[in-house]
Amino acid sequence: MRRRGSRNRGFTLIELIVSIAVISIAVTGVLGILSDVSVRSGQSLVQAQATQIASAYLNEVLSRPFADPDGTPIEPSRALFDDVADYNGLVNGGARDQFNNPIPGLTQFTVTVQVSTPPAGTLGAVPQPSMFLVTVSVTHPTGVLVVLNGYRTQHP
């Protein structure tokens, strides 16, 4: 015996189209969030690289003697820089090692070094002629900017 009123159950075409539209909207939202997260992750990497580059340059400059040991006011190349003042005005398109060789993978960064005499009293009792302020700026085309400062003093 067949039962009356029994029907085959399923989805209508309209129900199927509506469910596909709802799922598409949900997937689009999730992909948008993932895209935003990946962009931020990339900027964090660039920021960390710029900080490391600036730190390396600052450490290199501050490790040099305060006074020029050979009496040559400005050395002709970075590989020959022998005192802090030689670095003033250095601009490198792309990060470079201490011998001025380009570092692969870091060519999009621009590094600028400024060496100046800070105002008197900046470091308390240290006399103004006995100190330099070293400012290293590292920029990237994405807008990342890192600036590090350090002081180099002359030992009595």
N, C-alpha and C. Protein backbone atom coordinates (compact mmCIF):
# COMPACT_ATOMS: atom_id res chain seq x y z
N MET A 1 0.79 -1.18 0.00
CA MET A 1 0.00 0.00 0.00
C MET A 1 0.84 1.26 0.00
N ARG A 2 0.45 2.18 -0.80
CA ARG A 2 1.16 3.44 -0.85
C ARG A 2 0.52 4.44 0.08
N ARG A 3 1.33 5.20 0.67
CA ARG A 3 0.81 6.25 1.54
C ARG A 3 0.50 7.48 0.72
N ARG A 4 -0.58 8.05 1.03
CA ARG A 4 -0.92 9.27 0.33
C ARG A 4 -0.32 10.46 1.05
N GLY A 5 0.02 11.48 0.33
CA GLY A 5 0.57 12.70 0.91
C GLY A 5 2.07 12.63 1.11
N SER A 6 2.69 11.52 0.87
CA SER A 6 4.13 11.39 1.04
C SER A 6 4.81 11.95 -0.21
N ARG A 7 5.77 12.82 -0.02
CA ARG A 7 6.49 13.43 -1.13
C ARG A 7 7.98 13.20 -0.98
N ASN A 8 8.70 13.28 -2.08
CA ASN A 8 10.15 13.25 -2.03
C ASN A 8 10.63 14.62 -1.56
N ARG A 9 11.50 14.60 -0.59
CA ARG A 9 12.01 15.86 -0.05
C ARG A 9 13.31 16.21 -0.74
N GLY A 10 13.59 17.50 -0.92
CA GLY A 10 14.80 17.97 -1.55
C GLY A 10 14.83 19.50 -1.51
N PHE A 11 15.78 20.06 -2.19
CA PHE A 11 15.91 21.51 -2.24
C PHE A 11 15.34 22.03 -3.54
N THR A 12 14.72 23.15 -3.44
CA THR A 12 14.25 23.78 -4.67
C THR A 12 15.40 24.59 -5.25
N LEU A 13 15.26 24.99 -6.47
CA LEU A 13 16.30 25.79 -7.13
C LEU A 13 16.52 27.11 -6.41
N ILE A 14 15.48 27.71 -5.94
CA ILE A 14 15.61 28.99 -5.22
C ILE A 14 16.36 28.80 -3.91
N GLU A 15 16.06 27.75 -3.17
CA GLU A 15 16.79 27.48 -1.91
C GLU A 15 18.26 27.24 -2.18
N LEU A 16 18.58 26.55 -3.24
CA LEU A 16 19.97 26.28 -3.61
C LEU A 16 20.71 27.57 -3.96
N ILE A 17 20.09 28.45 -4.72
CA ILE A 17 20.72 29.72 -5.11
C ILE A 17 20.93 30.61 -3.89
N VAL A 18 19.96 30.67 -3.00
CA VAL A 18 20.10 31.48 -1.77
C VAL A 18 21.22 30.95 -0.90
N SER A 19 21.32 29.63 -0.73
CA SER A 19 22.39 29.07 0.10
C SER A 19 23.76 29.32 -0.52
N ILE A 20 23.88 29.24 -1.83
CA ILE A 20 25.17 29.55 -2.49
C ILE A 20 25.54 31.01 -2.28
N ALA A 21 24.57 31.91 -2.37
CA ALA A 21 24.84 33.34 -2.15
C ALA A 21 25.31 33.60 -0.72
N VAL A 22 24.66 32.98 0.26
CA VAL A 22 25.04 33.17 1.67
C VAL A 22 26.45 32.65 1.92
N ILE A 23 26.75 31.48 1.39
CA ILE A 23 28.09 30.90 1.57
C ILE A 23 29.14 31.77 0.89
N SER A 24 28.83 32.31 -0.29
CA SER A 24 29.78 33.19 -1.01
C SER A 24 30.09 34.44 -0.20
N ILE A 25 29.08 35.03 0.40
CA ILE A 25 29.30 36.23 1.22
C ILE A 25 30.18 35.91 2.42
N ALA A 26 29.93 34.77 3.07
CA ALA A 26 30.73 34.37 4.22
C ALA A 26 32.18 34.12 3.83
N VAL A 27 32.40 33.44 2.72
CA VAL A 27 33.77 33.14 2.27
C VAL A 27 34.50 34.43 1.90
N THR A 28 33.80 35.37 1.26
CA THR A 28 34.41 36.65 0.90
C THR A 28 34.87 37.40 2.15
N GLY A 29 34.06 37.40 3.19
CA GLY A 29 34.44 38.06 4.44
C GLY A 29 35.66 37.43 5.08
N VAL A 30 35.71 36.11 5.11
CA VAL A 30 36.86 35.41 5.69
C VAL A 30 38.13 35.69 4.89
N LEU A 31 38.03 35.66 3.57
CA LEU A 31 39.21 35.94 2.73
C LEU A 31 39.70 37.37 2.91
N GLY A 32 38.77 38.30 3.10
CA GLY A 32 39.17 39.69 3.36
C GLY A 32 39.96 39.82 4.64
N ILE A 33 39.53 39.13 5.67
CA ILE A 33 40.23 39.16 6.96
C ILE A 33 41.61 38.53 6.81
N LEU A 34 41.70 37.40 6.14
CA LEU A 34 43.00 36.75 5.94
C LEU A 34 43.95 37.62 5.13
N SER A 35 43.43 38.33 4.14
CA SER A 35 44.26 39.23 3.34
C SER A 35 44.83 40.35 4.20
N ASP A 36 43.99 40.93 5.05
CA ASP A 36 44.43 42.00 5.94
C ASP A 36 45.51 41.51 6.90
N VAL A 37 45.33 40.32 7.44
CA VAL A 37 46.32 39.74 8.36
C VAL A 37 47.66 39.51 7.65
N SER A 38 47.62 39.04 6.42
CA SER A 38 48.87 38.78 5.69
C SER A 38 49.61 40.09 5.38
N VAL A 39 48.87 41.16 5.07
CA VAL A 39 49.51 42.46 4.81
C VAL A 39 50.19 42.96 6.08
N ARG A 40 49.51 42.86 7.21
CA ARG A 40 50.11 43.31 8.48
C ARG A 40 51.33 42.47 8.84
N SER A 41 51.27 41.20 8.56
CA SER A 41 52.39 40.31 8.84
C SER A 41 53.61 40.73 8.03
N GLY A 42 53.39 41.08 6.77
CA GLY A 42 54.49 41.54 5.91
C GLY A 42 55.10 42.84 6.41
N GLN A 43 54.26 43.76 6.87
CA GLN A 43 54.77 45.02 7.40
C GLN A 43 55.56 44.80 8.68
N SER A 44 55.16 43.84 9.49
CA SER A 44 55.91 43.53 10.71
C SER A 44 57.30 43.02 10.36
N LEU A 45 57.39 42.21 9.32
CA LEU A 45 58.69 41.70 8.88
C LEU A 45 59.58 42.84 8.40
N VAL A 46 59.02 43.75 7.59
CA VAL A 46 59.78 44.89 7.09
C VAL A 46 60.23 45.78 8.26
N GLN A 47 59.35 45.99 9.23
CA GLN A 47 59.69 46.80 10.41
C GLN A 47 60.85 46.16 11.18
N ALA A 48 60.79 44.86 11.37
CA ALA A 48 61.86 44.16 12.09
C ALA A 48 63.18 44.23 11.32
N GLN A 49 63.12 44.07 10.00
CA GLN A 49 64.34 44.16 9.19
C GLN A 49 64.93 45.56 9.28
N ALA A 50 64.09 46.59 9.17
CA ALA A 50 64.57 47.97 9.25
C ALA A 50 65.21 48.25 10.60
N THR A 51 64.63 47.73 11.66
CA THR A 51 65.19 47.93 13.00
C THR A 51 66.56 47.27 13.12
N GLN A 52 66.69 46.06 12.60
CA GLN A 52 67.97 45.36 12.65
C GLN A 52 69.04 46.08 11.82
N ILE A 53 68.65 46.59 10.66
CA ILE A 53 69.60 47.33 9.81
C ILE A 53 70.06 48.59 10.54
N ALA A 54 69.12 49.35 11.09
CA ALA A 54 69.47 50.59 11.81
C ALA A 54 70.38 50.28 13.00
N SER A 55 70.08 49.22 13.71
CA SER A 55 70.90 48.83 14.86
C SER A 55 72.32 48.46 14.43
N ALA A 56 72.44 47.73 13.33
CA ALA A 56 73.77 47.33 12.84
C ALA A 56 74.60 48.55 12.44
N TYR A 57 73.97 49.48 11.71
CA TYR A 57 74.69 50.70 11.31
C TYR A 57 75.09 51.52 12.53
N LEU A 58 74.15 51.69 13.49
CA LEU A 58 74.46 52.48 14.67
C LEU A 58 75.60 51.85 15.46
N ASN A 59 75.57 50.54 15.64
CA ASN A 59 76.66 49.86 16.35
C ASN A 59 77.99 50.04 15.62
N GLU A 60 77.96 49.96 14.29
CA GLU A 60 79.20 50.16 13.52
C GLU A 60 79.77 51.55 13.75
N VAL A 61 78.92 52.57 13.65
CA VAL A 61 79.40 53.95 13.81
C VAL A 61 79.92 54.17 15.22
N LEU A 62 79.16 53.73 16.22
CA LEU A 62 79.56 53.99 17.61
C LEU A 62 80.80 53.20 18.03
N SER A 63 81.15 52.17 17.26
CA SER A 63 82.36 51.40 17.60
C SER A 63 83.64 52.08 17.11
N ARG A 64 83.51 53.09 16.28
CA ARG A 64 84.68 53.80 15.75
C ARG A 64 85.19 54.81 16.77
N PRO A 65 86.47 55.17 16.67
CA PRO A 65 87.03 56.17 17.59
C PRO A 65 86.37 57.53 17.42
N PHE A 66 86.39 58.31 18.50
CA PHE A 66 85.82 59.66 18.46
C PHE A 66 86.68 60.55 17.56
N ALA A 67 87.98 60.52 17.77
CA ALA A 67 88.89 61.37 17.00
C ALA A 67 89.48 60.59 15.83
N ASP A 68 89.82 61.30 14.77
CA ASP A 68 90.38 60.68 13.57
C ASP A 68 91.81 60.22 13.85
N PRO A 69 92.07 58.90 13.77
CA PRO A 69 93.40 58.39 14.11
C PRO A 69 94.48 58.71 13.08
N ASP A 70 94.11 58.90 11.80
CA ASP A 70 95.14 59.14 10.79
C ASP A 70 95.18 60.58 10.29
N GLY A 71 94.30 61.43 10.80
CA GLY A 71 94.31 62.84 10.43
C GLY A 71 93.66 63.14 9.09
N THR A 72 93.17 62.14 8.40
CA THR A 72 92.47 62.38 7.13
C THR A 72 91.04 62.78 7.46
N PRO A 73 90.62 64.01 7.08
CA PRO A 73 89.31 64.48 7.52
C PRO A 73 88.14 63.63 7.02
N ILE A 74 88.15 63.24 5.77
CA ILE A 74 87.05 62.42 5.24
C ILE A 74 87.67 61.30 4.40
N GLU A 75 87.36 60.09 4.79
CA GLU A 75 87.88 58.93 4.06
C GLU A 75 87.09 58.76 2.75
N PRO A 76 87.73 58.21 1.71
CA PRO A 76 87.07 58.12 0.40
C PRO A 76 85.96 57.07 0.29
N SER A 77 85.97 56.05 1.14
CA SER A 77 84.91 55.03 1.05
C SER A 77 84.59 54.49 2.44
N ARG A 78 83.41 53.93 2.54
CA ARG A 78 82.96 53.42 3.84
C ARG A 78 83.90 52.35 4.40
N ALA A 79 84.46 51.56 3.55
CA ALA A 79 85.38 50.51 4.01
C ALA A 79 86.59 51.10 4.74
N LEU A 80 86.89 52.38 4.46
CA LEU A 80 88.05 53.03 5.08
C LEU A 80 87.67 53.98 6.23
N PHE A 81 86.37 54.13 6.52
CA PHE A 81 85.96 55.03 7.61
C PHE A 81 86.62 54.56 8.90
N ASP A 82 87.32 55.51 9.57
CA ASP A 82 88.04 55.13 10.78
C ASP A 82 87.66 55.97 12.00
N ASP A 83 86.65 56.84 11.86
CA ASP A 83 86.17 57.59 13.02
C ASP A 83 84.70 57.93 12.81
N VAL A 84 84.04 58.34 13.88
CA VAL A 84 82.61 58.59 13.86
C VAL A 84 82.23 59.66 12.83
N ALA A 85 82.98 60.73 12.75
CA ALA A 85 82.63 61.85 11.86
C ALA A 85 82.65 61.46 10.38
N ASP A 86 83.41 60.44 10.02
CA ASP A 86 83.45 60.01 8.61
C ASP A 86 82.08 59.57 8.10
N TYR A 87 81.21 59.12 8.98
CA TYR A 87 79.90 58.60 8.59
C TYR A 87 78.87 59.70 8.33
N ASN A 88 79.18 60.95 8.70
CA ASN A 88 78.19 62.02 8.53
C ASN A 88 77.81 62.17 7.05
N GLY A 89 76.51 62.12 6.79
CA GLY A 89 76.02 62.28 5.42
C GLY A 89 75.99 61.00 4.61
N LEU A 90 76.31 59.88 5.22
CA LEU A 90 76.28 58.60 4.49
C LEU A 90 74.86 58.27 4.09
N VAL A 91 74.67 57.94 2.82
CA VAL A 91 73.38 57.49 2.31
C VAL A 91 73.63 56.24 1.49
N ASN A 92 73.01 55.14 1.90
CA ASN A 92 73.13 53.88 1.16
C ASN A 92 71.77 53.50 0.59
N GLY A 93 71.71 53.34 -0.72
CA GLY A 93 70.52 52.80 -1.35
C GLY A 93 70.64 51.29 -1.28
N GLY A 94 69.93 50.69 -0.38
CA GLY A 94 70.09 49.26 -0.10
C GLY A 94 71.02 49.10 1.09
N ALA A 95 70.69 48.18 1.96
CA ALA A 95 71.53 47.94 3.13
C ALA A 95 72.85 47.33 2.68
N ARG A 96 73.93 47.74 3.34
CA ARG A 96 75.27 47.27 2.99
C ARG A 96 76.01 46.86 4.25
N ASP A 97 76.99 45.96 4.07
CA ASP A 97 77.79 45.56 5.23
C ASP A 97 78.85 46.62 5.50
N GLN A 98 79.68 46.39 6.52
CA GLN A 98 80.67 47.40 6.92
C GLN A 98 81.76 47.62 5.88
N PHE A 99 81.86 46.72 4.90
CA PHE A 99 82.83 46.90 3.83
C PHE A 99 82.18 47.48 2.57
N ASN A 100 80.93 47.96 2.72
CA ASN A 100 80.14 48.60 1.67
C ASN A 100 79.66 47.64 0.59
N ASN A 101 79.59 46.35 0.91
CA ASN A 101 79.05 45.37 -0.03
C ASN A 101 77.54 45.27 0.16
N PRO A 102 76.77 45.23 -0.94
CA PRO A 102 75.31 45.12 -0.80
C PRO A 102 74.91 43.80 -0.12
N ILE A 103 73.88 43.87 0.70
CA ILE A 103 73.36 42.68 1.37
C ILE A 103 72.17 42.18 0.55
N PRO A 104 72.26 40.96 0.01
CA PRO A 104 71.17 40.44 -0.82
C PRO A 104 69.84 40.40 -0.06
N GLY A 105 68.77 40.78 -0.75
CA GLY A 105 67.45 40.75 -0.16
C GLY A 105 67.06 42.01 0.59
N LEU A 106 68.01 42.92 0.80
CA LEU A 106 67.72 44.15 1.55
C LEU A 106 67.98 45.39 0.70
N THR A 107 67.84 45.26 -0.60
CA THR A 107 68.17 46.35 -1.51
C THR A 107 67.10 47.45 -1.57
N GLN A 108 65.91 47.21 -1.04
CA GLN A 108 64.86 48.22 -1.09
C GLN A 108 64.92 49.22 0.05
N PHE A 109 65.78 48.98 1.01
CA PHE A 109 65.91 49.90 2.14
C PHE A 109 66.86 51.03 1.79
N THR A 110 66.61 52.21 2.34
CA THR A 110 67.53 53.34 2.21
C THR A 110 68.00 53.70 3.62
N VAL A 111 69.32 53.79 3.77
CA VAL A 111 69.91 54.07 5.08
C VAL A 111 70.61 55.43 5.02
N THR A 112 70.33 56.27 6.01
CA THR A 112 70.94 57.60 6.10
C THR A 112 71.56 57.74 7.49
N VAL A 113 72.78 58.26 7.53
CA VAL A 113 73.46 58.48 8.81
C VAL A 113 73.81 59.97 8.93
N GLN A 114 73.46 60.55 10.07
CA GLN A 114 73.81 61.93 10.38
C GLN A 114 74.62 61.93 11.68
N VAL A 115 75.72 62.64 11.67
CA VAL A 115 76.54 62.81 12.87
C VAL A 115 76.59 64.30 13.17
N SER A 116 76.17 64.67 14.38
CA SER A 116 76.14 66.09 14.74
C SER A 116 76.58 66.27 16.19
N THR A 117 76.81 67.52 16.53
CA THR A 117 77.14 67.87 17.91
C THR A 117 75.85 68.29 18.60
N PRO A 118 75.43 67.55 19.62
CA PRO A 118 74.17 67.91 20.29
C PRO A 118 74.34 69.16 21.14
N PRO A 119 73.23 69.76 21.57
CA PRO A 119 73.30 70.96 22.42
C PRO A 119 74.03 70.68 23.73
N ALA A 120 74.67 71.71 24.26
CA ALA A 120 75.37 71.59 25.54
C ALA A 120 74.39 71.14 26.61
N GLY A 121 74.86 70.30 27.51
CA GLY A 121 74.05 69.82 28.61
C GLY A 121 73.22 68.59 28.28
N THR A 122 73.30 68.11 27.04
CA THR A 122 72.51 66.95 26.64
C THR A 122 72.85 65.73 27.47
N LEU A 123 74.12 65.52 27.73
CA LEU A 123 74.56 64.38 28.53
C LEU A 123 75.12 64.83 29.88
N GLY A 124 74.48 65.82 30.45
CA GLY A 124 74.89 66.28 31.77
C GLY A 124 76.22 66.99 31.75
N ALA A 125 77.22 66.41 32.43
CA ALA A 125 78.51 67.07 32.60
C ALA A 125 79.46 66.86 31.42
N VAL A 126 79.07 66.10 30.43
CA VAL A 126 79.96 65.88 29.28
C VAL A 126 80.00 67.16 28.46
N PRO A 127 81.21 67.73 28.25
CA PRO A 127 81.29 68.98 27.49
C PRO A 127 80.88 68.77 26.02
N GLN A 128 80.27 69.80 25.45
CA GLN A 128 79.75 69.71 24.09
C GLN A 128 80.78 69.27 23.06
N PRO A 129 82.00 69.76 23.08
CA PRO A 129 82.96 69.34 22.05
C PRO A 129 83.40 67.88 22.19
N SER A 130 82.99 67.22 23.27
CA SER A 130 83.43 65.84 23.51
C SER A 130 82.34 64.81 23.23
N MET A 131 81.33 65.19 22.42
CA MET A 131 80.28 64.21 22.13
C MET A 131 79.70 64.42 20.74
N PHE A 132 79.25 63.32 20.18
CA PHE A 132 78.54 63.32 18.90
C PHE A 132 77.19 62.64 19.10
N LEU A 133 76.19 63.16 18.40
CA LEU A 133 74.88 62.50 18.32
C LEU A 133 74.84 61.82 16.95
N VAL A 134 74.64 60.51 16.94
CA VAL A 134 74.56 59.74 15.70
C VAL A 134 73.10 59.35 15.50
N THR A 135 72.55 59.71 14.33
CA THR A 135 71.16 59.38 13.99
C THR A 135 71.17 58.52 12.73
N VAL A 136 70.62 57.33 12.84
CA VAL A 136 70.51 56.41 11.70
C VAL A 136 69.03 56.28 11.35
N SER A 137 68.70 56.58 10.09
CA SER A 137 67.33 56.46 9.59
C SER A 137 67.29 55.40 8.51
N VAL A 138 66.32 54.50 8.61
CA VAL A 138 66.14 53.45 7.61
C VAL A 138 64.71 53.55 7.10
N THR A 139 64.56 53.67 5.78
CA THR A 139 63.24 53.76 5.18
C THR A 139 63.03 52.63 4.18
N HIS A 140 61.76 52.33 3.94
CA HIS A 140 61.37 51.29 2.98
C HIS A 140 60.24 51.86 2.13
N PRO A 141 60.13 51.47 0.87
CA PRO A 141 59.07 52.01 0.00
C PRO A 141 57.64 51.81 0.52
N THR A 142 57.43 50.88 1.43
CA THR A 142 56.08 50.66 1.98
C THR A 142 55.70 51.71 3.01
N GLY A 143 56.62 52.63 3.32
CA GLY A 143 56.33 53.67 4.30
C GLY A 143 56.92 53.41 5.67
N VAL A 144 57.58 52.29 5.85
CA VAL A 144 58.21 51.98 7.14
C VAL A 144 59.40 52.90 7.34
N LEU A 145 59.50 53.51 8.51
CA LEU A 145 60.62 54.38 8.87
C LEU A 145 61.07 54.01 10.28
N VAL A 146 62.36 53.76 10.42
CA VAL A 146 62.95 53.47 11.73
C VAL A 146 64.09 54.46 11.94
N VAL A 147 64.09 55.13 13.09
CA VAL A 147 65.15 56.09 13.42
C VAL A 147 65.73 55.68 14.77
N LEU A 148 67.05 55.48 14.80
CA LEU A 148 67.76 55.17 16.04
C LEU A 148 68.81 56.24 16.29
N ASN A 149 68.96 56.63 17.56
CA ASN A 149 69.97 57.62 17.96
C ASN A 149 70.93 57.01 18.96
N GLY A 150 72.15 57.50 18.93
CA GLY A 150 73.14 57.07 19.91
C GLY A 150 74.15 58.19 20.11
N TYR A 151 74.83 58.16 21.23
CA TYR A 151 75.85 59.17 21.54
C TYR A 151 77.22 58.52 21.60
N ARG A 152 78.19 59.19 21.05
CA ARG A 152 79.60 58.77 21.14
C ARG A 152 80.35 59.88 21.83
N THR A 153 81.02 59.54 22.93
CA THR A 153 81.76 60.55 23.68
C THR A 153 83.25 60.29 23.58
N GLN A 154 83.99 61.34 23.82
CA GLN A 154 85.45 61.23 23.81
C GLN A 154 85.92 60.94 25.23
N HIS A 155 86.72 59.92 25.35
CA HIS A 155 87.24 59.56 26.67
C HIS A 155 88.38 60.49 27.02
N PRO A 156 88.43 60.93 28.25
CA PRO A 156 89.52 61.85 28.66
C PRO A 156 90.87 61.18 28.64
